[in-house]
Amino acid sequence: MDYVSALVPPIAMAAFFIALVVTIVKSQGGSNKAKEDAVVDAVIARAEAAQQQK
């Protein structure tokens, strides 16, 4: 039974990693892409404005 306890952690981590990748892939594009792009554009604009004020 030691082999079962040795295999459980890698299998659990692999399942978690696969779920993470699937979630990341599903969140790309669509309506989420427009929101993410808007947030990035706002952060870049704020950084550029702060840099110009110096």
PDB file of N, CA and C in Angstrom:
ATOM      1  N   MET A   1       0.808  -1.206   0.000  1.00  0.00           N
ATOM      2  CA  MET A   1       0.000   0.000   0.000  1.00  0.00           C
ATOM      3  C   MET A   1       0.846   1.262   0.000  1.00  0.00           C
ATOM      4  N   ASP A   2       2.154   1.120   0.191  1.00  0.00           N
ATOM      5  CA  ASP A   2       3.013   2.304   0.169  1.00  0.00           C
ATOM      6  C   ASP A   2       3.011   2.966  -1.207  1.00  0.00           C
ATOM      7  N   TYR A   3       2.862   2.173  -2.248  1.00  0.00           N
ATOM      8  CA  TYR A   3       2.866   2.753  -3.587  1.00  0.00           C
ATOM      9  C   TYR A   3       1.654   3.653  -3.809  1.00  0.00           C
ATOM     10  N   VAL A   4       0.536   3.348  -3.163  1.00  0.00           N
ATOM     11  CA  VAL A   4      -0.653   4.199  -3.303  1.00  0.00           C
ATOM     12  C   VAL A   4      -0.400   5.550  -2.655  1.00  0.00           C
ATOM     13  N   SER A   5       0.154   5.546  -1.451  1.00  0.00           N
ATOM     14  CA  SER A   5       0.432   6.820  -0.771  1.00  0.00           C
ATOM     15  C   SER A   5       1.539   7.598  -1.477  1.00  0.00           C
ATOM     16  N   ALA A   6       2.400   6.903  -2.206  1.00  0.00           N
ATOM     17  CA  ALA A   6       3.448   7.590  -2.963  1.00  0.00           C
ATOM     18  C   ALA A   6       2.904   8.211  -4.248  1.00  0.00           C
ATOM     19  N   LEU A   7       1.844   7.645  -4.805  1.00  0.00           N
ATOM     20  CA  LEU A   7       1.305   8.150  -6.068  1.00  0.00           C
ATOM     21  C   LEU A   7       0.232   9.219  -5.891  1.00  0.00           C
ATOM     22  N   VAL A   8      -0.404   9.290  -4.733  1.00  0.00           N
ATOM     23  CA  VAL A   8      -1.515  10.227  -4.551  1.00  0.00           C
ATOM     24  C   VAL A   8      -1.087  11.691  -4.703  1.00  0.00           C
ATOM     25  N   PRO A   9      -0.005  12.148  -4.051  1.00  0.00           N
ATOM     26  CA  PRO A   9       0.356  13.570  -4.207  1.00  0.00           C
ATOM     27  C   PRO A   9       0.649  13.989  -5.657  1.00  0.00           C
ATOM     28  N   PRO A  10       1.440  13.233  -6.439  1.00  0.00           N
ATOM     29  CA  PRO A  10       1.666  13.652  -7.821  1.00  0.00           C
ATOM     30  C   PRO A  10       0.387  13.664  -8.658  1.00  0.00           C
ATOM     31  N   ILE A  11      -0.490  12.695  -8.422  1.00  0.00           N
ATOM     32  CA  ILE A  11      -1.743  12.654  -9.180  1.00  0.00           C
ATOM     33  C   ILE A  11      -2.622  13.840  -8.811  1.00  0.00           C
ATOM     34  N   ALA A  12      -2.668  14.179  -7.525  1.00  0.00           N
ATOM     35  CA  ALA A  12      -3.464  15.328  -7.084  1.00  0.00           C
ATOM     36  C   ALA A  12      -2.908  16.619  -7.664  1.00  0.00           C
ATOM     37  N   MET A  13      -1.580  16.767  -7.661  1.00  0.00           N
ATOM     38  CA  MET A  13      -0.970  17.981  -8.223  1.00  0.00           C
ATOM     39  C   MET A  13      -1.201  18.062  -9.732  1.00  0.00           C
ATOM     40  N   ALA A  14      -1.132  16.937 -10.420  1.00  0.00           N
ATOM     41  CA  ALA A  14      -1.378  16.927 -11.861  1.00  0.00           C
ATOM     42  C   ALA A  14      -2.820  17.327 -12.160  1.00  0.00           C
ATOM     43  N   ALA A  15      -3.763  16.832 -11.389  1.00  0.00           N
ATOM     44  CA  ALA A  15      -5.171  17.194 -11.596  1.00  0.00           C
ATOM     45  C   ALA A  15      -5.384  18.681 -11.344  1.00  0.00           C
ATOM     46  N   PHE A  16      -4.764  19.208 -10.292  1.00  0.00           N
ATOM     47  CA  PHE A  16      -4.875  20.639 -10.008  1.00  0.00           C
ATOM     48  C   PHE A  16      -4.276  21.464 -11.136  1.00  0.00           C
ATOM     49  N   PHE A  17      -3.112  21.054 -11.643  1.00  0.00           N
ATOM     50  CA  PHE A  17      -2.446  21.790 -12.720  1.00  0.00           C
ATOM     51  C   PHE A  17      -3.295  21.779 -13.991  1.00  0.00           C
ATOM     52  N   ILE A  18      -3.880  20.639 -14.309  1.00  0.00           N
ATOM     53  CA  ILE A  18      -4.735  20.546 -15.499  1.00  0.00           C
ATOM     54  C   ILE A  18      -5.949  21.466 -15.347  1.00  0.00           C
ATOM     55  N   ALA A  19      -6.553  21.472 -14.152  1.00  0.00           N
ATOM     56  CA  ALA A  19      -7.704  22.351 -13.908  1.00  0.00           C
ATOM     57  C   ALA A  19      -7.294  23.812 -14.022  1.00  0.00           C
ATOM     58  N   LEU A  20      -6.108  24.155 -13.543  1.00  0.00           N
ATOM     59  CA  LEU A  20      -5.615  25.535 -13.637  1.00  0.00           C
ATOM     60  C   LEU A  20      -5.422  25.946 -15.091  1.00  0.00           C
ATOM     61  N   VAL A  21      -4.811  25.082 -15.888  1.00  0.00           N
ATOM     62  CA  VAL A  21      -4.592  25.384 -17.304  1.00  0.00           C
ATOM     63  C   VAL A  21      -5.918  25.543 -18.036  1.00  0.00           C
ATOM     64  N   VAL A  22      -6.869  24.668 -17.759  1.00  0.00           N
ATOM     65  CA  VAL A  22      -8.181  24.758 -18.405  1.00  0.00           C
ATOM     66  C   VAL A  22      -8.865  26.072 -18.038  1.00  0.00           C
ATOM     67  N   THR A  23      -8.781  26.470 -16.778  1.00  0.00           N
ATOM     68  CA  THR A  23      -9.375  27.733 -16.339  1.00  0.00           C
ATOM     69  C   THR A  23      -8.723  28.920 -17.033  1.00  0.00           C
ATOM     70  N   ILE A  24      -7.404  28.909 -17.144  1.00  0.00           N
ATOM     71  CA  ILE A  24      -6.694  30.012 -17.810  1.00  0.00           C
ATOM     72  C   ILE A  24      -7.084  30.081 -19.280  1.00  0.00           C
ATOM     73  N   VAL A  25      -7.138  28.951 -19.947  1.00  0.00           N
ATOM     74  CA  VAL A  25      -7.489  28.934 -21.372  1.00  0.00           C
ATOM     75  C   VAL A  25      -8.920  29.423 -21.578  1.00  0.00           C
ATOM     76  N   LYS A  26      -9.848  29.003 -20.717  1.00  0.00           N
ATOM     77  CA  LYS A  26     -11.239  29.422 -20.862  1.00  0.00           C
ATOM     78  C   LYS A  26     -11.423  30.906 -20.594  1.00  0.00           C
ATOM     79  N   SER A  27     -10.570  31.498 -19.761  1.00  0.00           N
ATOM     80  CA  SER A  27     -10.739  32.909 -19.423  1.00  0.00           C
ATOM     81  C   SER A  27     -10.116  33.834 -20.467  1.00  0.00           C
ATOM     82  N   GLN A  28      -9.444  33.283 -21.457  1.00  0.00           N
ATOM     83  CA  GLN A  28      -8.839  34.101 -22.506  1.00  0.00           C
ATOM     84  C   GLN A  28      -9.879  34.438 -23.564  1.00  0.00           C
ATOM     85  N   GLY A  29      -9.828  35.654 -24.053  1.00  0.00           N
ATOM     86  CA  GLY A  29     -10.738  36.057 -25.120  1.00  0.00           C
ATOM     87  C   GLY A  29     -12.128  36.370 -24.623  1.00  0.00           C
ATOM     88  N   GLY A  30     -13.020  36.651 -25.551  1.00  0.00           N
ATOM     89  CA  GLY A  30     -14.407  36.945 -25.207  1.00  0.00           C
ATOM     90  C   GLY A  30     -14.560  38.255 -24.462  1.00  0.00           C
ATOM     91  N   SER A  31     -15.580  38.326 -23.620  1.00  0.00           N
ATOM     92  CA  SER A  31     -15.845  39.563 -22.882  1.00  0.00           C
ATOM     93  C   SER A  31     -14.764  39.829 -21.850  1.00  0.00           C
ATOM     94  N   ASN A  32     -14.124  38.782 -21.350  1.00  0.00           N
ATOM     95  CA  ASN A  32     -13.058  38.984 -20.377  1.00  0.00           C
ATOM     96  C   ASN A  32     -11.866  39.704 -20.999  1.00  0.00           C
ATOM     97  N   LYS A  33     -11.610  39.451 -22.265  1.00  0.00           N
ATOM     98  CA  LYS A  33     -10.467  40.075 -22.933  1.00  0.00           C
ATOM     99  C   LYS A  33     -10.618  41.582 -22.964  1.00  0.00           C
ATOM    100  N   ALA A  34     -11.800  42.072 -23.243  1.00  0.00           N
ATOM    101  CA  ALA A  34     -12.015  43.521 -23.292  1.00  0.00           C
ATOM    102  C   ALA A  34     -11.793  44.140 -21.918  1.00  0.00           C
ATOM    103  N   LYS A  35     -12.263  43.494 -20.867  1.00  0.00           N
ATOM    104  CA  LYS A  35     -12.070  44.014 -19.511  1.00  0.00           C
ATOM    105  C   LYS A  35     -10.597  44.008 -19.132  1.00  0.00           C
ATOM    106  N   GLU A  36      -9.895  42.919 -19.446  1.00  0.00           N
ATOM    107  CA  GLU A  36      -8.478  42.832 -19.115  1.00  0.00           C
ATOM    108  C   GLU A  36      -7.683  43.870 -19.888  1.00  0.00           C
ATOM    109  N   ASP A  37      -7.996  44.055 -21.169  1.00  0.00           N
ATOM    110  CA  ASP A  37      -7.297  45.050 -21.969  1.00  0.00           C
ATOM    111  C   ASP A  37      -7.531  46.456 -21.422  1.00  0.00           C
ATOM    112  N   ALA A  38      -8.742  46.743 -20.981  1.00  0.00           N
ATOM    113  CA  ALA A  38      -9.047  48.064 -20.428  1.00  0.00           C
ATOM    114  C   ALA A  38      -8.262  48.306 -19.146  1.00  0.00           C
ATOM    115  N   VAL A  39      -8.151  47.298 -18.317  1.00  0.00           N
ATOM    116  CA  VAL A  39      -7.392  47.447 -17.066  1.00  0.00           C
ATOM    117  C   VAL A  39      -5.920  47.686 -17.369  1.00  0.00           C
ATOM    118  N   VAL A  40      -5.361  46.927 -18.293  1.00  0.00           N
ATOM    119  CA  VAL A  40      -3.947  47.093 -18.648  1.00  0.00           C
ATOM    120  C   VAL A  40      -3.713  48.469 -19.246  1.00  0.00           C
ATOM    121  N   ASP A  41      -4.594  48.918 -20.132  1.00  0.00           N
ATOM    122  CA  ASP A  41      -4.454  50.246 -20.725  1.00  0.00           C
ATOM    123  C   ASP A  41      -4.507  51.338 -19.659  1.00  0.00           C
ATOM    124  N   ALA A  42      -5.384  51.194 -18.667  1.00  0.00           N
ATOM    125  CA  ALA A  42      -5.483  52.186 -17.596  1.00  0.00           C
ATOM    126  C   ALA A  42      -4.210  52.229 -16.761  1.00  0.00           C
ATOM    127  N   VAL A  43      -3.642  51.064 -16.461  1.00  0.00           N
ATOM    128  CA  VAL A  43      -2.411  51.010 -15.669  1.00  0.00           C
ATOM    129  C   VAL A  43      -1.260  51.636 -16.442  1.00  0.00           C
ATOM    130  N   ILE A  44      -1.169  51.344 -17.727  1.00  0.00           N
ATOM    131  CA  ILE A  44      -0.094  51.922 -18.549  1.00  0.00           C
ATOM    132  C   ILE A  44      -0.247  53.436 -18.640  1.00  0.00           C
ATOM    133  N   ALA A  45      -1.475  53.913 -18.832  1.00  0.00           N
ATOM    134  CA  ALA A  45      -1.706  55.355 -18.915  1.00  0.00           C
ATOM    135  C   ALA A  45      -1.333  56.027 -17.608  1.00  0.00           C
ATOM    136  N   ARG A  46      -1.683  55.411 -16.481  1.00  0.00           N
ATOM    137  CA  ARG A  46      -1.358  55.995 -15.184  1.00  0.00           C
ATOM    138  C   ARG A  46       0.165  56.037 -14.984  1.00  0.00           C
ATOM    139  N   ALA A  47       0.862  54.986 -15.396  1.00  0.00           N
ATOM    140  CA  ALA A  47       2.324  54.947 -15.256  1.00  0.00           C
ATOM    141  C   ALA A  47       2.970  56.000 -16.140  1.00  0.00           C
ATOM    142  N   GLU A  48       2.473  56.166 -17.362  1.00  0.00           N
ATOM    143  CA  GLU A  48       3.038  57.180 -18.248  1.00  0.00           C
ATOM    144  C   GLU A  48       2.782  58.584 -17.723  1.00  0.00           C
ATOM    145  N   ALA A  49       1.597  58.822 -17.158  1.00  0.00           N
ATOM    146  CA  ALA A  49       1.292  60.134 -16.603  1.00  0.00           C
ATOM    147  C   ALA A  49       2.179  60.432 -15.411  1.00  0.00           C
ATOM    148  N   ALA A  50       2.439  59.459 -14.576  1.00  0.00           N
ATOM    149  CA  ALA A  50       3.299  59.661 -13.424  1.00  0.00           C
ATOM    150  C   ALA A  50       4.729  59.920 -13.859  1.00  0.00           C
ATOM    151  N   GLN A  51       5.146  59.266 -14.934  1.00  0.00           N
ATOM    152  CA  GLN A  51       6.508  59.448 -15.417  1.00  0.00           C
ATOM    153  C   GLN A  51       6.687  60.846 -16.016  1.00  0.00           C
ATOM    154  N   GLN A  52       5.658  61.368 -16.692  1.00  0.00           N
ATOM    155  CA  GLN A  52       5.749  62.684 -17.312  1.00  0.00           C
ATOM    156  C   GLN A  52       5.730  63.794 -16.266  1.00  0.00           C
ATOM    157  N   GLN A  53       5.142  63.549 -15.101  1.00  0.00           N
ATOM    158  CA  GLN A  53       5.087  64.557 -14.066  1.00  0.00           C
ATOM    159  C   GLN A  53       6.420  64.749 -13.374  1.00  0.00           C
ATOM    160  N   LYS A  54       7.315  63.795 -13.491  1.00  0.00           N
ATOM    161  CA  LYS A  54       8.622  63.904 -12.819  1.00  0.00           C
ATOM    162  C   LYS A  54       9.523  64.905 -13.482  1.00  0.00           C
TER     163      LYS A  54
END
